[in-house]
Protein backbone atom coordinates (compact mmCIF):
# COMPACT_ATOMS: atom_id res chain seq x y z
CA MET A 1 -0.37 0.03 -0.15
CA ARG A 2 1.50 3.72 -0.83
CA VAL A 3 1.32 5.43 2.42
CA VAL A 4 2.05 9.60 2.65
CA VAL A 5 2.46 10.74 5.77
CA VAL A 6 2.51 14.80 6.16
CA GLY A 7 4.69 16.06 9.23
CA ALA A 8 7.87 14.55 10.55
CA GLY A 9 6.90 15.61 13.99
CA PHE A 10 6.80 12.86 16.85
CA ALA A 11 3.25 11.33 15.30
CA GLY A 12 4.70 11.44 12.11
CA SER A 13 7.75 10.23 12.22
CA ALA A 14 6.74 7.41 14.48
CA ALA A 15 3.85 6.32 12.01
CA ALA A 16 6.03 6.44 9.22
CA LEU A 17 8.21 4.12 10.95
CA LEU A 18 5.76 1.50 12.17
CA LEU A 19 4.10 1.24 8.49
CA HIS A 20 7.65 0.93 6.89
CA ARG A 21 8.31 -1.87 8.42
CA ALA A 22 4.93 -3.17 7.80
CA GLY A 23 5.84 -3.70 4.42
CA HIS A 24 3.68 -0.57 3.29
CA THR A 25 5.12 2.25 0.79
CA VAL A 26 5.99 5.20 2.82
CA THR A 27 6.66 8.88 1.74
CA LEU A 28 7.51 11.41 4.54
CA LEU A 29 6.74 14.94 3.88
CA GLU A 30 8.31 17.52 6.06
CA ALA A 31 7.78 21.05 5.14
CA VAL A 32 10.98 22.44 7.37
CA PRO A 33 13.94 21.87 5.00
CA ASP A 34 16.75 21.58 7.40
CA PRO A 35 14.68 20.53 11.10
CA SER A 36 16.90 20.85 14.03
CA PRO A 37 16.51 19.14 17.48
CA VAL A 38 14.59 22.42 19.03
CA GLY A 39 12.55 23.13 21.60
CA ALA A 40 12.36 22.75 25.86
CA GLY A 41 11.24 19.95 28.27
CA ILE A 42 8.29 17.56 27.96
CA MET A 43 7.21 15.18 30.05
CA LEU A 44 7.20 11.39 28.62
CA GLN A 45 4.53 9.02 30.67
CA PRO A 46 4.66 5.29 30.70
CA THR A 47 2.23 4.85 27.59
CA GLY A 48 4.85 7.06 25.14
CA MET A 49 7.22 5.14 26.76
CA HIS A 50 5.63 2.14 25.84
CA VAL A 51 5.51 2.74 22.23
CA LEU A 52 8.81 4.00 21.85
CA ALA A 53 10.15 0.50 23.37
CA ARG A 54 8.30 -1.02 20.52
CA LEU A 55 10.07 1.25 18.39
CA GLY A 56 13.40 0.05 19.58
CA LEU A 57 13.90 3.49 20.65
CA ALA A 58 13.12 3.47 24.63
CA ALA A 59 17.41 2.83 25.46
CA PRO A 60 18.35 6.44 23.94
CA ILE A 61 15.57 7.82 25.37
CA LEU A 62 16.42 6.82 28.47
CA HIS A 63 19.33 7.58 28.57
CA ALA A 64 18.96 11.14 28.33
CA GLY A 65 16.02 11.56 29.60
CA HIS A 66 15.44 11.95 33.82
CA ARG A 67 13.50 9.75 35.81
CA VAL A 68 10.31 11.66 37.54
CA ASP A 69 8.12 9.65 40.21
CA ARG A 70 5.95 12.25 41.53
CA LEU A 71 4.31 15.64 40.76
CA ARG A 72 4.08 18.28 43.56
CA GLY A 73 2.15 21.25 43.68
CA LEU A 74 2.76 23.94 45.97
CA SER A 75 0.79 27.61 47.18
CA SER A 76 3.14 30.72 46.91
CA SER A 77 3.42 30.45 50.74
CA GLY A 78 5.09 26.89 50.29
CA ARG A 79 1.49 24.79 50.97
CA GLU A 80 1.57 21.70 49.77
CA LEU A 81 -1.27 21.26 47.49
CA PHE A 82 -1.30 18.25 46.02
CA HIS A 83 1.76 14.72 46.11
CA LEU A 84 1.16 12.68 43.62
CA PRO A 85 3.55 9.57 43.18
CA TYR A 86 3.55 7.38 40.22
CA ALA A 87 4.07 4.34 42.74
CA ALA A 88 0.45 5.13 44.36
CA ARG A 89 -0.82 3.72 40.85
CA GLY A 90 1.72 0.46 41.13
CA PRO A 91 5.30 -0.58 41.00
CA GLY A 92 7.19 0.42 37.80
CA LEU A 93 5.80 3.40 36.42
CA PHE A 94 7.29 6.60 36.46
CA GLY A 95 7.15 9.99 34.03
CA LEU A 96 10.41 11.16 32.13
CA GLY A 97 11.63 14.61 31.73
CA LEU A 98 12.58 15.23 28.56
CA HIS A 99 14.15 17.82 26.02
CA ARG A 100 11.76 18.11 23.19
CA GLY A 101 14.90 18.22 20.91
CA VAL A 102 15.54 14.64 21.90
CA LEU A 103 12.43 13.03 21.04
CA PHE A 104 12.74 14.41 17.80
CA GLN A 105 15.80 13.75 17.02
CA THR A 106 15.24 9.83 18.25
CA LEU A 107 12.14 9.44 16.04
CA PHE A 108 13.39 11.75 13.42
CA ASP A 109 16.85 10.12 12.48
CA ALA A 110 15.15 6.56 12.52
CA ALA A 111 12.63 7.71 10.24
CA ARG A 112 15.49 9.06 8.00
CA ALA A 113 17.59 5.89 8.24
CA GLU A 114 14.61 3.13 7.73
CA VAL A 115 12.12 4.95 5.59
CA PRO A 116 13.51 5.22 1.82
CA ASP A 117 11.16 8.10 0.71
CA VAL A 118 12.08 11.59 2.89
CA ARG A 119 11.54 14.57 1.83
CA LEU A 120 12.19 17.34 2.90
CA GLY A 121 11.62 21.57 2.43
CA VAL A 122 7.90 20.26 1.29
CA PRO A 123 4.93 22.51 2.92
CA VAL A 124 1.78 20.38 2.08
CA ALA A 125 -1.01 22.85 1.70
CA ARG A 126 -3.98 21.21 1.17
CA LEU A 127 -5.52 17.95 0.05
CA GLY A 128 -5.84 17.22 -3.91
CA GLN A 129 -7.33 15.24 -6.18
CA PRO A 130 -8.52 12.15 -4.86
CA GLY A 131 -5.55 10.27 -3.35
CA CYS A 132 -3.41 13.26 -3.65
CA VAL A 133 -2.13 15.98 -1.55
CA ARG A 134 -0.98 19.43 -3.24
CA THR A 135 2.32 21.48 -1.86
CA ASN A 136 2.52 25.12 -1.14
CA ALA A 137 4.03 25.30 -4.76
CA GLY A 138 1.35 23.75 -6.13
CA GLU A 139 2.40 20.40 -7.35
CA GLU A 140 -0.12 17.60 -6.74
CA LEU A 141 1.92 14.57 -5.22
CA GLY A 142 0.03 10.52 -5.11
CA PRO A 143 -1.78 9.04 -5.75
CA PHE A 144 -1.54 7.69 -2.13
CA ASP A 145 -3.77 4.45 -1.14
CA LEU A 146 -3.57 6.28 2.70
CA ILE A 147 -3.18 9.44 3.90
CA VAL A 148 -2.05 10.46 7.63
CA VAL A 149 -2.12 14.11 8.21
CA ALA A 150 0.43 14.98 10.85
CA ASP A 151 0.96 18.70 10.29
CA GLY A 152 0.96 20.15 13.83
CA ALA A 153 -1.47 22.13 15.65
CA ARG A 154 -1.50 24.53 13.50
CA SER A 155 -2.04 21.91 10.49
CA GLN A 156 -2.48 23.81 6.85
CA ILE A 157 -4.32 20.55 5.85
CA ARG A 158 -6.87 20.74 8.82
CA ALA A 159 -7.53 24.64 8.30
CA ALA A 160 -8.11 23.88 4.16
CA ASP A 161 -10.26 21.21 3.97
CA PHE A 162 -11.65 20.74 7.16
CA PRO A 163 -12.88 24.03 8.05
CA GLY A 164 -15.73 23.09 10.48
CA VAL A 165 -13.60 21.76 13.06
CA ARG A 166 -12.99 23.35 16.08
CA ASP A 167 -9.97 24.84 16.50
CA VAL A 168 -9.35 27.50 19.15
CA PRO A 169 -6.33 29.52 20.28
CA TYR A 170 -6.19 29.28 24.72
CA PRO A 171 -6.00 33.40 25.69
CA TRP A 172 -2.76 31.50 27.97
CA GLY A 173 0.32 29.89 27.51
CA ALA A 174 4.22 29.47 28.69
CA LEU A 175 6.92 31.51 28.47
CA TRP A 176 9.90 28.87 28.55
CA PHE A 177 13.64 28.81 29.68
CA VAL A 178 16.10 25.58 30.31
CA ALA A 179 18.82 25.97 32.31
CA GLU A 180 21.59 23.85 34.12
CA ASP A 181 21.13 22.11 36.77
CA ARG A 182 24.22 20.66 37.86
CA GLU A 183 23.25 20.12 41.57
CA GLY A 184 20.54 17.81 41.03
CA ARG A 185 18.36 20.35 43.03
CA PHE A 186 15.24 20.00 40.91
CA ARG A 187 15.97 16.03 40.52
CA GLY A 188 12.54 13.49 40.73
CA GLU A 189 10.04 15.73 40.37
CA LEU A 190 7.83 17.70 38.70
CA LEU A 191 7.23 20.82 40.83
CA GLN A 192 4.75 23.38 40.25
CA ALA A 193 4.05 26.43 41.98
CA VAL A 194 1.12 28.66 41.89
CA LYS A 195 -0.52 31.88 43.64
CA GLY A 196 -4.45 32.31 42.41
CA ALA A 197 -5.58 30.76 38.99
CA ARG A 198 -3.01 34.09 37.56
CA GLU A 199 0.25 32.84 38.47
CA MET A 200 2.21 29.42 38.00
CA VAL A 201 5.80 28.39 37.76
CA GLY A 202 6.68 24.88 36.71
CA MET A 203 10.33 23.00 36.76
CA LEU A 204 10.54 20.35 35.03
CA PRO A 205 14.13 18.01 35.27
CA THR A 206 14.61 17.93 31.66
CA GLY A 207 17.85 15.04 30.73
CA LEU A 208 20.23 16.25 28.41
CA ALA A 209 19.80 18.23 25.46
CA PRO A 210 20.91 16.47 22.22
CA GLY A 211 24.71 15.72 22.13
CA GLY A 212 24.57 17.16 25.43
CA ASP A 213 26.11 15.79 28.87
CA THR A 214 25.08 18.26 31.35
CA PRO A 215 21.30 17.65 33.39
CA LEU A 216 18.75 20.46 32.83
CA VAL A 217 15.95 21.56 33.98
CA SER A 218 12.67 23.51 32.39
CA LEU A 219 11.25 26.43 33.71
CA PHE A 220 8.00 27.49 32.58
CA VAL A 221 6.02 30.43 33.31
CA SER A 222 2.05 31.17 32.74
CA THR A 223 1.97 34.06 30.63
CA ARG A 224 -1.50 35.33 28.86
CA VAL A 225 -0.52 35.66 25.24
CA ARG A 226 -1.65 39.49 24.89
CA ASP A 227 1.30 39.99 27.43
CA ALA A 228 4.11 37.81 26.32
CA ASP A 229 5.95 40.53 24.35
CA SER A 230 5.51 43.20 27.46
CA VAL A 231 7.20 40.89 30.41
CA ARG A 232 9.96 40.57 27.69
CA ARG A 233 10.41 44.40 27.61
CA GLU A 234 10.14 44.54 31.22
CA GLY A 235 13.38 42.95 31.54
CA VAL A 236 15.60 40.28 33.56
CA ALA A 237 14.96 41.73 36.67
CA ALA A 238 11.25 42.25 36.30
CA PHE A 239 10.99 38.78 35.25
CA ARG A 240 13.04 37.02 37.61
CA GLU A 241 10.88 39.16 40.59
CA ARG A 242 8.06 37.39 38.85
CA VAL A 243 9.17 34.11 39.39
CA LEU A 244 10.82 34.29 42.65
CA ARG A 245 7.54 35.71 44.31
CA VAL A 246 5.64 32.68 42.95
CA ALA A 247 8.71 30.06 43.19
CA PRO A 248 11.38 30.74 45.55
CA MET A 249 13.10 27.65 45.17
CA ALA A 250 13.17 28.60 40.96
CA GLU A 251 15.98 31.59 42.36
CA PRO A 252 19.11 28.62 40.73
CA ILE A 253 17.13 28.72 37.48
CA VAL A 254 16.42 32.32 36.86
CA ALA A 255 20.24 33.20 38.02
CA GLN A 256 20.76 31.46 35.02
CA LEU A 257 18.69 33.83 32.35
CA PRO A 258 21.07 36.10 30.98
CA ASP A 259 18.38 38.36 29.43
CA THR A 260 14.42 37.52 28.27
CA GLU A 261 15.22 37.18 25.07
CA ALA A 262 16.56 33.98 25.87
CA LEU A 263 12.96 33.27 26.83
CA LEU A 264 10.45 30.94 24.38
CA PHE A 265 6.73 31.62 24.05
CA ALA A 266 4.62 28.32 23.63
CA GLY A 267 0.81 29.00 22.88
CA TYR A 268 -2.15 26.03 22.91
CA ARG A 269 -4.49 25.27 20.79
CA ASP A 270 -7.79 23.85 21.47
CA VAL A 271 -8.56 21.27 18.25
CA ARG A 272 -11.62 19.26 17.99
CA PHE A 273 -12.73 16.46 15.98
CA THR A 274 -16.38 14.43 15.46
CA ARG A 275 -14.10 11.91 13.78
CA TRP A 276 -10.51 11.63 12.59
CA ASN A 277 -10.92 9.95 9.46
CA ALA A 278 -12.80 11.04 6.42
CA GLY A 279 -12.34 8.50 3.60
CA ASN A 280 -8.62 7.64 3.19
CA VAL A 281 -7.19 10.31 5.49
CA VAL A 282 -6.88 10.57 9.17
CA PHE A 283 -5.64 12.93 11.59
CA ILE A 284 -3.09 12.30 13.77
CA GLY A 285 -0.88 13.93 16.68
CA ASP A 286 -1.24 17.97 17.54
CA ALA A 287 -3.52 18.12 14.25
CA ALA A 288 -6.08 16.00 15.40
CA HIS A 289 -6.21 17.01 19.03
CA ALA A 290 -4.14 19.86 20.14
CA MET A 291 -4.52 20.81 23.49
CA SER A 292 -3.19 22.41 26.68
CA PRO A 293 -0.13 20.49 28.51
CA GLN A 294 -1.53 20.80 31.34
CA LEU A 295 -1.84 17.30 32.24
CA GLY A 296 1.53 16.35 29.73
CA GLN A 297 -0.01 14.44 27.51
CA GLY A 298 0.18 15.90 23.93
CA SER A 299 3.73 13.87 23.17
CA ASN A 300 2.42 11.02 24.65
CA LEU A 301 -1.03 10.61 22.74
CA ALA A 302 0.31 11.23 19.23
CA LEU A 303 2.87 8.16 19.71
CA VAL A 304 -0.23 6.43 20.69
CA ASP A 305 -2.07 7.46 17.76
CA ALA A 306 0.47 6.11 15.58
CA LEU A 307 0.81 3.05 17.10
CA VAL A 308 -2.95 2.20 17.16
CA LEU A 309 -3.13 3.72 13.51
CA SER A 310 -0.67 0.57 12.58
CA GLN A 311 -2.52 -1.60 14.15
CA CYS A 312 -5.73 -0.90 12.67
CA VAL A 313 -4.51 -1.04 8.88
CA ALA A 314 -2.79 -4.31 9.55
CA ALA A 315 -5.70 -5.71 10.96
CA GLN A 316 -7.89 -4.70 7.70
CA PRO A 317 -5.76 -5.33 4.89
CA GLY A 318 -6.75 -3.69 1.57
CA ASN A 319 -9.37 -1.86 3.32
CA VAL A 320 -8.15 1.55 4.34
CA GLU A 321 -11.82 2.72 5.02
CA LEU A 322 -12.63 0.31 7.24
CA ALA A 323 -9.14 0.71 8.98
CA LEU A 324 -9.43 4.32 9.62
CA GLN A 325 -13.08 3.64 10.92
CA ALA A 326 -11.31 1.64 13.29
CA TYR A 327 -8.81 3.74 14.18
CA SER A 328 -11.21 6.56 15.16
CA ALA A 329 -13.45 3.95 17.33
CA GLU A 330 -10.41 2.71 18.90
CA ARG A 331 -9.32 6.17 19.80
CA ARG A 332 -12.09 7.85 20.76
CA ALA A 333 -12.52 7.58 24.72
CA HIS A 334 -8.61 7.65 25.48
CA LEU A 335 -8.96 10.88 23.70
CA ARG A 336 -12.03 12.39 24.66
CA PHE A 337 -10.80 11.59 28.43
CA TYR A 338 -8.06 14.15 28.16
CA GLN A 339 -9.33 16.38 25.78
CA ARG A 340 -12.39 16.80 28.32
CA MET A 341 -10.34 16.66 31.56
CA THR A 342 -7.20 19.19 30.02
CA ARG A 343 -10.21 21.81 29.06
CA TRP A 344 -11.54 21.51 32.55
CA LEU A 345 -8.42 21.24 34.84
CA THR A 346 -6.61 24.20 32.89
CA PRO A 347 -8.32 27.47 33.96
CA PHE A 348 -7.74 26.41 37.42
CA PHE A 349 -4.51 26.77 36.55
CA GLN A 350 -4.45 29.69 34.16
CA SER A 351 -7.10 31.78 34.28
CA ASP A 352 -8.07 35.32 35.57
CA SER A 353 -10.71 33.47 37.92
CA ARG A 354 -9.97 34.14 41.55
CA VAL A 355 -12.87 31.70 42.50
CA LEU A 356 -11.37 29.01 40.45
CA GLY A 357 -7.86 29.07 42.07
CA TRP A 358 -9.16 29.28 45.37
CA ALA A 359 -11.37 26.16 44.75
CA ARG A 360 -8.18 24.39 43.37
CA ASP A 361 -6.28 25.21 46.80
CA VAL A 362 -9.23 23.74 48.80
CA GLY A 363 -10.12 20.94 46.46
CA PHE A 364 -6.97 19.47 45.42
CA PRO A 365 -5.71 19.01 49.00
CA VAL A 366 -8.70 16.98 49.86
CA GLY A 367 -8.79 14.96 46.43
CA ALA A 368 -4.89 14.05 46.56
CA ALA A 369 -5.81 12.47 50.48
CA LEU A 370 -8.17 10.10 49.88
CA PRO A 371 -6.94 7.12 48.19
CA PHE A 372 -9.70 6.49 45.93
CA LEU A 373 -9.03 10.07 44.42
CA ARG A 374 -5.51 10.34 44.67
CA ASN A 375 -5.28 6.31 42.57
CA GLN A 376 -7.57 8.32 39.67
CA MET A 377 -5.81 11.38 39.47
CA VAL A 378 -2.40 9.10 39.00
CA ALA A 379 -3.60 7.14 36.63
CA THR A 380 -4.92 10.08 34.46
CA MET A 381 -1.07 11.09 34.69
CA CYS A 382 0.13 8.20 33.59
CA GLY A 383 -1.76 8.22 30.47
CA GLY A 384 -4.03 5.27 30.57
CA LYS A 385 -7.81 6.51 31.90
CA LEU A 386 -10.26 5.59 29.13
CA GLY A 387 -13.39 7.79 30.91
CA PHE A 388 -14.19 9.30 34.18
CA VAL A 389 -15.92 6.14 35.34
CA ARG A 390 -14.07 4.01 32.59
CA GLY A 391 -11.78 1.74 33.74
CA SER A 392 -7.61 2.43 32.23
CA LEU A 393 -5.15 0.65 29.84
CA PRO A 394 -3.92 -2.29 32.16
CA GLU A 395 -0.42 -1.11 33.31
CA GLY A 396 0.84 -3.85 32.68
CA SER A 397 0.94 -3.40 28.77
CA TYR A 398 2.93 -0.28 29.08
CA ALA A 399 5.03 0.38 32.18
CA PRO A 400 8.81 -0.02 31.26
CA GLN A 401 11.15 -1.79 33.26
CA LEU A 402 14.26 0.27 33.89
CA GLY A 403 17.90 -1.47 34.27
CA PRO A 404 20.41 0.24 36.82
CA GLY A 405 21.30 3.69 36.19
CA SER A 406 18.81 4.23 33.47
CA GLY A 407 16.29 7.33 32.89
CA ASP A 408 18.42 9.95 34.61
CA GLY A 409 20.28 11.53 32.07
CA ALA A 410 23.86 9.70 33.80
CA GLY A 411 24.25 6.77 31.62
CA PRO A 412 22.70 4.03 28.99
CA GLY A 413 19.22 2.88 29.86
CA SER A 414 17.32 -0.06 28.98
CA ALA A 415 13.46 -0.94 28.30
CA ARG A 416 11.75 -4.29 28.31
CA VAL A 417 7.98 -4.33 27.72
């Protein structure tokens, strides 16, 4: 079967690898002429690590990443609002703080090494004649039996050919900075400090940069989209004060900030399809379900998309439309749960609401102290929840087991699923 994958991000590269290994003729198109590993920290959950293990790519990821055993939330006064250890869900579960560029480079390099037809600098504007895609230059490529759209949160194909899909930018985003953590002050946990719902500072151990050997930590500071430029213009002293009044423990990070030009801004979108397939076209990754990173699930959902797509195609040989219908049905519960939870939770951490900030500070400590609710919170964090009432994916199906010294950014790792 002839397959085109549009976009060589996490979802696209993983899908191209899996479909190529299944024996299909895959063309991978990437808009950027020379993609490079950039960005700040992301969280890999057990679900995402499972897919990487299935791809045979867990070892370099575990080598470069930093094991995260818990998520903690503090008020600006230092009061603990929640403490969610992965171990509350079961042994062998953990998160992995990782430089975004490491995951991109690992997946993209593997795709380039295995997939014969990888074309760079080919932005795709929209679908063309049946089975074809049309580039920005007006060239039609194809026909293909299967079109996998993985061109990101700002998908050109989605905007051009599926204008009815809900695509709403969030009013809030985050300013990011990646610092060194040579002394390991931020080891082992993702820490969030909040002051109301308007101010949030997060610190994520990020492991190693691509090709690097120094442990890193990523700082993210909640910022309204409309205020990002003005915050930068205020200068580095004002930014440091903004951070430290919420998270005084971040002082070793902001001390390394040379100026506000070093701050990266990330905006978010809420993308909602009724179903992710149409004919022989399927959307995966952020092109299909971009969301706020409040639950730390975006890269993990993208990787699971790629795996489930390859499984559905394998289960329906010769019938692409039926395979894609099965894909949408298979992904519906998982994706809908995380989309809804993200939309529900985000205003408690990023909004102008005084009531929601107060409700979070009162309600989260109670919920995190009750065994059943804490278990559900951790299950949600792990990435396998299928619904508010429905259960989760079985942890044994996606929990990698680490070898000694792995998962801490300090030495080679191994995974077994």
